[in-house]
Amino acid sequence: MISVVVPTLGRPSLAVLLDTLAGQLGDLPGADLLLVDDRRDEIGELAVPGALAAYTKVLTGRGAGPAAARNLGWRAARGEWVVFLDDDVVPAPDWARRLRADLAVPGRIGGVQGVVTVPLPADRRPTDWERATAGLAEGRWITADMAYRRAALAAVGGFDERFPRAYREDAELAHRVRLAGWDLVRGQRRVTHPVRPEGRWVSLRTQRGNADDALLRRLYGRNWRTALDLPPGRRPGHVAVATAGAVALAATVLRAVARPGARRRALGAAALVAGLGWAAGTGDFARVRIAPGPRTHDEVVTMLATSALIPPLAVVHWVRGWWHARPQPAGAVVTADGTEAGR
């Protein structure tokens, strides 16, 4: 038996997913569908197509993010296999049939990932946000379409709810499942993951993921990216650029209040050198983001502005995540939001 779990915020894309599944769940005898409504506000019930009514159970989440919502879903599921889908994917017409074939695997295999395709514009170069979304197609063990044996999830306790965003929580789970002795493989079923419309400053908002990276560094040490099959990041460069900018700003301020003399000249030289380092680093970061893009006026302006803001913002979120992920004193009780009970 197979259970399909979809955490959702009630986005319009959910209706497309449900309409697609309505014509396919009949190919999965005994399957059930669990929708986890993780919206924080009461804004009406989720609309479930009549063809899915007999298969579907709607659960109410805590607004604590996709990791907590998926845990709620799989723990209520009845199937031997639990298939996680994002609420903004579109399964291929033969998805259910291929899913059955994907799950006909030896008992040592604890998870099977689907193939994710991200359609990009055919008439122009993709934007920075479109390229970032396209990276999902190369992701390993991402829950846009990922099936796990219920036994594997139970063995490791499911998703770590300290990861509140749709970021890294799936890679971290996969790592623990493999450590527990299960194998993970790729299947043949396919889903399409359209690029979600976003504002021009989305790259600033996504920097919050650096806090989750800091937690992973606490949990798995300096080689956490290798352990979790994650690509190299840009944080060392961001730290260097942010540091250069901070030194340049501090030296400029101190020079402005210093008396004429050797100290003032030294501060001026330090401000110049650090400022040139900041400009070079920021310029290179902007270049690698602008070059593959459409190079329209709005895109270039956005890339220039965000390339200056991302390094310090990434560092701030990393430090915040590192602080909240610090080891707790013996006997401390830590709540789901990472704070210590009673404080």
Protein backbone atom coordinates (compact mmCIF):
# COMPACT_ATOMS: atom_id res chain seq x y z
CA MET A 1 0.00 0.00 0.00
CA ILE A 2 1.16 3.52 -0.83
CA SER A 3 0.41 6.79 0.96
CA VAL A 4 0.96 10.17 -0.71
CA VAL A 5 1.70 13.09 1.63
CA VAL A 6 1.43 16.69 0.41
CA PRO A 7 2.19 19.55 2.82
CA THR A 8 0.56 22.72 1.53
CA LEU A 9 0.01 26.39 2.15
CA GLY A 10 -3.06 26.36 -0.06
CA ARG A 11 -1.33 27.87 -3.07
CA PRO A 12 -3.17 27.83 -6.44
CA SER A 13 -0.69 25.22 -7.67
CA LEU A 14 -2.28 22.69 -5.30
CA ALA A 15 -5.42 22.55 -7.45
CA VAL A 16 -3.32 21.57 -10.49
CA LEU A 17 -1.59 18.81 -8.51
CA LEU A 18 -4.86 17.42 -7.16
CA ASP A 19 -6.52 17.46 -10.56
CA THR A 20 -3.59 15.49 -11.95
CA LEU A 21 -3.65 12.96 -9.10
CA ALA A 22 -7.42 12.54 -9.41
CA GLY A 23 -6.95 10.73 -12.69
CA GLN A 24 -4.13 8.51 -11.44
CA LEU A 25 -4.72 7.27 -7.90
CA GLY A 26 -6.95 4.58 -9.32
CA ASP A 27 -3.72 3.02 -10.63
CA LEU A 28 -2.53 2.67 -7.01
CA PRO A 29 -4.89 0.17 -5.34
CA GLY A 30 -5.50 0.99 -1.70
CA ALA A 31 -3.56 4.25 -1.86
CA ASP A 32 -4.46 7.18 0.34
CA LEU A 33 -3.69 10.88 0.04
CA LEU A 34 -2.91 13.01 3.08
CA LEU A 35 -3.00 16.79 2.67
CA VAL A 36 -1.36 18.66 5.53
CA ASP A 37 -2.78 22.19 5.67
CA ASP A 38 0.12 24.15 7.17
CA ARG A 39 -1.33 27.64 6.79
CA ARG A 40 -0.98 29.80 9.87
CA ASP A 41 -4.26 31.65 9.30
CA GLU A 42 -7.77 30.24 9.05
CA ILE A 43 -8.69 31.14 5.49
CA GLY A 44 -11.12 28.41 4.51
CA GLU A 45 -10.92 24.70 3.91
CA LEU A 46 -8.85 23.14 1.17
CA ALA A 47 -10.85 22.22 -1.91
CA VAL A 48 -10.48 18.53 -2.76
CA PRO A 49 -11.82 17.27 -6.12
CA GLY A 50 -14.74 14.87 -5.74
CA ALA A 51 -12.79 12.11 -7.48
CA LEU A 52 -10.24 12.23 -4.65
CA ALA A 53 -12.66 12.45 -1.73
CA ALA A 54 -12.59 8.72 -1.03
CA TYR A 55 -8.79 8.67 -0.96
CA THR A 56 -8.08 11.90 0.90
CA LYS A 57 -7.60 12.93 4.51
CA VAL A 58 -6.91 16.57 5.38
CA LEU A 59 -4.72 17.17 8.43
CA THR A 60 -4.17 20.50 10.16
CA GLY A 61 -0.53 21.43 10.66
CA ARG A 62 0.99 23.81 13.19
CA GLY A 63 2.41 26.32 10.74
CA ALA A 64 5.83 25.07 11.79
CA GLY A 65 7.15 24.42 8.29
CA PRO A 66 7.37 21.52 5.85
CA ALA A 67 9.45 19.21 8.06
CA ALA A 68 6.84 19.25 10.83
CA ALA A 69 4.01 19.00 8.28
CA ARG A 70 5.55 15.95 6.61
CA ASN A 71 6.06 14.29 9.98
CA LEU A 72 2.39 14.80 10.74
CA GLY A 73 1.52 13.29 7.38
CA TRP A 74 3.65 10.15 7.40
CA ARG A 75 2.77 9.32 10.99
CA ALA A 76 -0.91 9.33 10.02
CA ALA A 77 -0.27 7.34 6.83
CA ARG A 78 -1.24 3.70 6.43
CA GLY A 79 1.05 2.72 3.58
CA GLU A 80 4.24 0.71 3.65
CA TRP A 81 5.62 3.40 1.34
CA VAL A 82 5.14 7.13 1.91
CA VAL A 83 5.53 9.38 -1.13
CA PHE A 84 6.20 13.05 -0.43
CA LEU A 85 5.14 15.55 -3.08
CA ASP A 86 5.44 19.34 -3.00
CA ASP A 87 2.19 21.19 -3.63
CA ASP A 88 3.60 22.95 -6.69
CA VAL A 89 4.68 19.96 -8.79
CA VAL A 90 2.77 18.46 -11.71
CA PRO A 91 3.10 14.66 -12.04
CA ALA A 92 3.49 13.22 -15.52
CA PRO A 93 0.44 11.38 -16.97
CA ASP A 94 2.07 8.02 -16.21
CA TRP A 95 3.42 9.02 -12.79
CA ALA A 96 1.36 6.55 -10.75
CA ARG A 97 2.17 3.62 -13.02
CA ARG A 98 5.88 4.41 -12.95
CA LEU A 99 5.71 4.90 -9.18
CA ARG A 100 4.55 1.33 -8.72
CA ALA A 101 7.49 0.13 -10.80
CA ASP A 102 9.93 2.39 -8.89
CA LEU A 103 8.86 0.90 -5.56
CA ALA A 104 9.33 -2.72 -6.66
CA VAL A 105 12.81 -2.73 -5.12
CA PRO A 106 14.76 -4.97 -2.75
CA GLY A 107 14.11 -4.64 0.97
CA ARG A 108 17.43 -2.90 1.69
CA ILE A 109 16.31 0.15 -0.32
CA GLY A 110 14.65 2.67 1.96
CA GLY A 111 13.90 5.47 -0.49
CA VAL A 112 13.35 6.13 -4.19
CA GLN A 113 13.55 9.60 -5.70
CA GLY A 114 11.55 10.72 -8.73
CA VAL A 115 12.90 12.71 -11.65
CA VAL A 116 12.23 16.45 -11.35
CA THR A 117 12.11 18.66 -14.44
CA VAL A 118 12.09 22.46 -14.22
CA PRO A 119 10.86 24.13 -17.43
CA LEU A 120 12.76 27.30 -18.34
CA PRO A 121 11.87 29.97 -20.91
CA ALA A 122 12.67 28.97 -24.49
CA ASP A 123 12.80 32.51 -25.84
CA ARG A 124 15.33 34.09 -23.47
CA ARG A 125 18.00 33.36 -20.92
CA PRO A 126 16.69 32.42 -17.46
CA THR A 127 16.76 34.88 -14.59
CA ASP A 128 18.76 34.31 -11.41
CA TRP A 129 15.64 33.00 -9.63
CA GLU A 130 14.75 30.71 -12.52
CA ARG A 131 18.26 29.25 -12.52
CA ALA A 132 18.10 28.73 -8.77
CA THR A 133 14.83 26.81 -9.14
CA ALA A 134 16.29 24.79 -12.02
CA GLY A 135 18.88 23.49 -9.56
CA LEU A 136 16.15 21.25 -8.15
CA ALA A 137 16.53 19.04 -11.20
CA GLU A 138 20.03 18.11 -9.99
CA GLY A 139 19.10 17.82 -6.31
CA ARG A 140 19.60 14.55 -4.46
CA TRP A 141 16.79 13.09 -2.35
CA ILE A 142 14.62 16.21 -2.56
CA THR A 143 11.05 15.86 -1.36
CA ALA A 144 9.56 17.51 -4.42
CA ASP A 145 9.00 13.80 -5.23
CA MET A 146 10.62 11.38 -2.81
CA ALA A 147 9.29 8.02 -1.58
CA TYR A 148 10.43 6.42 1.69
CA ARG A 149 9.58 3.14 3.33
CA ARG A 150 7.58 3.91 6.43
CA ALA A 151 9.95 1.61 8.34
CA ALA A 152 12.92 3.78 7.33
CA LEU A 153 11.16 6.95 8.49
CA ALA A 154 10.21 5.34 11.78
CA ALA A 155 13.76 4.07 12.32
CA VAL A 156 15.22 7.60 12.23
CA GLY A 157 12.27 9.51 13.69
CA GLY A 158 11.32 11.31 10.49
CA PHE A 159 12.29 14.86 9.59
CA ASP A 160 14.22 17.07 12.01
CA GLU A 161 11.76 19.83 12.87
CA ARG A 162 14.56 22.21 13.78
CA PHE A 163 14.70 22.94 10.04
CA PRO A 164 11.71 25.30 9.61
CA ARG A 165 12.13 26.01 5.89
CA ALA A 166 11.89 24.01 2.69
CA TYR A 167 15.68 23.91 2.66
CA ARG A 168 18.10 21.15 3.69
CA GLU A 169 15.51 19.27 5.75
CA ASP A 170 15.21 16.62 3.03
CA ALA A 171 18.97 16.20 2.55
CA GLU A 172 19.43 15.88 6.31
CA LEU A 173 16.76 13.18 6.54
CA ALA A 174 18.33 11.24 3.66
CA HIS A 175 21.68 11.33 5.42
CA ARG A 176 20.25 9.81 8.61
CA VAL A 177 18.35 7.16 6.64
CA ARG A 178 21.58 6.07 4.95
CA LEU A 179 23.43 6.09 8.27
CA ALA A 180 20.73 3.73 9.56
CA GLY A 181 21.72 1.22 6.87
CA TRP A 182 19.20 1.89 4.10
CA ASP A 183 20.08 2.53 0.45
CA LEU A 184 18.55 5.34 -1.59
CA VAL A 185 18.10 5.15 -5.36
CA ARG A 186 16.65 7.15 -8.22
CA GLY A 187 13.50 6.01 -9.98
CA GLN A 188 11.93 6.70 -13.38
CA ARG A 189 8.69 8.54 -12.53
CA ARG A 190 8.63 12.22 -13.42
CA VAL A 191 7.19 15.45 -12.11
CA THR A 192 7.45 18.96 -13.48
CA HIS A 193 8.33 21.74 -11.04
CA PRO A 194 7.31 25.09 -12.57
CA VAL A 195 9.19 28.21 -11.48
CA ARG A 196 7.10 29.94 -8.84
CA PRO A 197 6.54 33.69 -9.46
CA GLU A 198 8.59 35.75 -7.02
CA GLY A 199 9.54 39.38 -6.46
CA ARG A 200 12.86 40.80 -7.51
CA TRP A 201 14.30 40.61 -3.97
CA VAL A 202 13.68 36.88 -3.46
CA SER A 203 17.42 36.16 -3.33
CA LEU A 204 17.66 38.22 -0.15
CA ARG A 205 14.88 36.27 1.53
CA THR A 206 16.46 32.93 0.66
CA GLN A 207 19.57 33.87 2.64
CA ARG A 208 17.71 32.70 5.74
CA GLY A 209 18.77 29.22 4.67
CA ASN A 210 22.26 30.02 5.95
CA ALA A 211 20.89 29.52 9.47
CA ASP A 212 19.99 25.94 8.51
CA ASP A 213 23.48 25.44 7.09
CA ALA A 214 24.90 26.53 10.44
CA LEU A 215 22.79 23.90 12.18
CA LEU A 216 24.10 21.25 9.80
CA ARG A 217 27.67 22.37 10.55
CA ARG A 218 26.94 21.93 14.26
CA LEU A 219 25.42 18.49 13.69
CA TYR A 220 27.86 16.97 11.20
CA GLY A 221 31.13 18.89 11.42
CA ARG A 222 33.20 20.73 8.85
CA ASN A 223 32.63 18.13 6.11
CA TRP A 224 28.84 18.31 6.33
CA ARG A 225 28.41 19.20 2.66
CA THR A 226 30.27 16.10 1.53
CA ALA A 227 28.41 13.91 4.01
CA LEU A 228 25.02 15.15 2.81
CA ASP A 229 25.86 15.13 -0.94
CA LEU A 230 25.52 18.91 -1.19
CA PRO A 231 27.43 21.11 -3.67
CA PRO A 232 30.02 23.66 -2.49
CA GLY A 233 28.68 26.99 -1.27
CA ARG A 234 29.86 30.60 -1.51
CA ARG A 235 30.04 31.32 2.20
CA PRO A 236 33.85 31.72 2.38
CA GLY A 237 33.61 34.38 -0.31
CA HIS A 238 30.67 36.04 1.40
CA VAL A 239 32.59 36.18 4.68
CA ALA A 240 35.60 37.76 2.95
CA VAL A 241 33.50 40.37 1.14
CA ALA A 242 31.41 41.20 4.21
CA THR A 243 34.55 41.54 6.33
CA ALA A 244 36.18 43.83 3.77
CA GLY A 245 33.08 46.01 3.67
CA ALA A 246 32.90 46.21 7.46
CA VAL A 247 36.61 47.12 7.72
CA ALA A 248 36.25 49.77 5.02
CA LEU A 249 33.24 51.32 6.75
CA ALA A 250 34.84 51.26 10.20
CA ALA A 251 38.13 52.73 8.94
CA THR A 252 36.28 55.49 7.08
CA VAL A 253 34.31 56.45 10.20
CA LEU A 254 37.40 56.42 12.43
CA ARG A 255 39.36 58.46 9.90
CA ALA A 256 36.63 61.08 9.85
CA VAL A 257 37.00 61.72 13.59
CA ALA A 258 40.78 61.24 13.81
CA ARG A 259 43.18 64.15 14.05
CA PRO A 260 45.48 64.85 11.10
CA GLY A 261 48.61 62.75 11.25
CA ALA A 262 50.00 59.25 10.76
CA ARG A 263 47.01 57.49 12.34
CA ARG A 264 44.58 59.27 10.04
CA ARG A 265 46.69 58.40 7.00
CA ALA A 266 46.86 54.75 8.06
CA LEU A 267 43.10 54.64 8.51
CA GLY A 268 42.65 56.17 5.07
CA ALA A 269 44.92 53.56 3.52
CA ALA A 270 43.08 50.75 5.34
CA ALA A 271 39.73 52.10 4.15
CA LEU A 272 41.00 52.27 0.57
CA VAL A 273 42.45 48.76 0.53
CA ALA A 274 39.41 47.21 2.23
CA GLY A 275 37.06 49.18 -0.02
CA LEU A 276 38.82 47.94 -3.14
CA GLY A 277 38.59 44.37 -1.83
CA TRP A 278 34.87 44.78 -1.16
CA ALA A 279 34.29 46.29 -4.62
CA ALA A 280 36.25 43.52 -6.35
CA GLY A 281 34.44 40.76 -4.49
CA THR A 282 31.01 42.31 -4.98
CA GLY A 283 31.71 42.98 -8.64
CA ASP A 284 32.80 39.39 -9.29
CA PHE A 285 29.73 38.04 -7.50
CA ALA A 286 27.48 40.28 -9.59
CA ARG A 287 29.29 39.26 -12.77
CA VAL A 288 28.74 35.53 -12.29
CA ARG A 289 25.04 36.17 -11.63
CA ILE A 290 24.48 38.61 -14.51
CA ALA A 291 26.43 36.82 -17.27
CA PRO A 292 24.12 33.79 -17.72
CA GLY A 293 20.93 35.82 -17.30
CA PRO A 294 18.69 37.82 -19.64
CA ARG A 295 20.66 41.02 -18.90
CA THR A 296 17.61 43.22 -18.97
CA HIS A 297 17.77 46.56 -17.15
CA ASP A 298 15.70 45.34 -14.21
CA GLU A 299 17.63 42.10 -13.88
CA VAL A 300 21.02 43.84 -13.97
CA VAL A 301 19.97 46.46 -11.41
CA THR A 302 18.55 43.75 -9.15
CA MET A 303 21.71 41.64 -9.43
CA LEU A 304 23.94 44.61 -8.62
CA ALA A 305 21.90 45.61 -5.57
CA THR A 306 21.45 42.10 -4.19
CA SER A 307 25.08 41.15 -4.85
CA ALA A 308 26.07 43.95 -2.47
CA LEU A 309 23.52 42.92 0.18
CA ILE A 310 23.74 39.13 0.07
CA PRO A 311 27.23 38.66 1.62
CA PRO A 312 26.55 40.51 4.89
CA LEU A 313 23.02 39.12 5.06
CA ALA A 314 24.28 35.57 4.58
CA VAL A 315 26.85 36.04 7.33
CA VAL A 316 24.26 37.46 9.74
CA HIS A 317 21.92 34.51 9.17
CA TRP A 318 24.79 32.04 9.55
CA VAL A 319 25.83 33.58 12.88
CA ARG A 320 22.22 33.59 14.05
CA GLY A 321 21.83 29.92 13.12
CA TRP A 322 25.15 29.01 14.75
CA TRP A 323 24.09 30.70 17.98
CA HIS A 324 20.68 29.05 18.12
CA ALA A 325 22.20 25.65 17.32
CA ARG A 326 24.73 25.83 20.14
CA PRO A 327 24.86 22.86 22.54
CA GLN A 328 22.38 23.23 25.40
CA PRO A 329 23.26 22.84 29.09
CA ALA A 330 22.54 19.45 30.62
CA GLY A 331 18.89 19.20 31.54
CA ALA A 332 17.79 22.08 29.32
CA VAL A 333 14.46 21.63 27.56
CA VAL A 334 14.48 23.08 24.03
CA THR A 335 11.21 23.94 22.33
CA ALA A 336 10.42 23.47 18.62
CA ASP A 337 11.49 27.04 17.79
CA GLY A 338 14.94 26.49 19.27
CA THR A 339 14.41 28.52 22.46
CA GLU A 340 14.99 27.16 25.93
CA ALA A 341 11.82 26.51 27.91
CA GLY A 342 11.18 28.99 30.69
CA ARG A 343 13.25 31.78 29.13
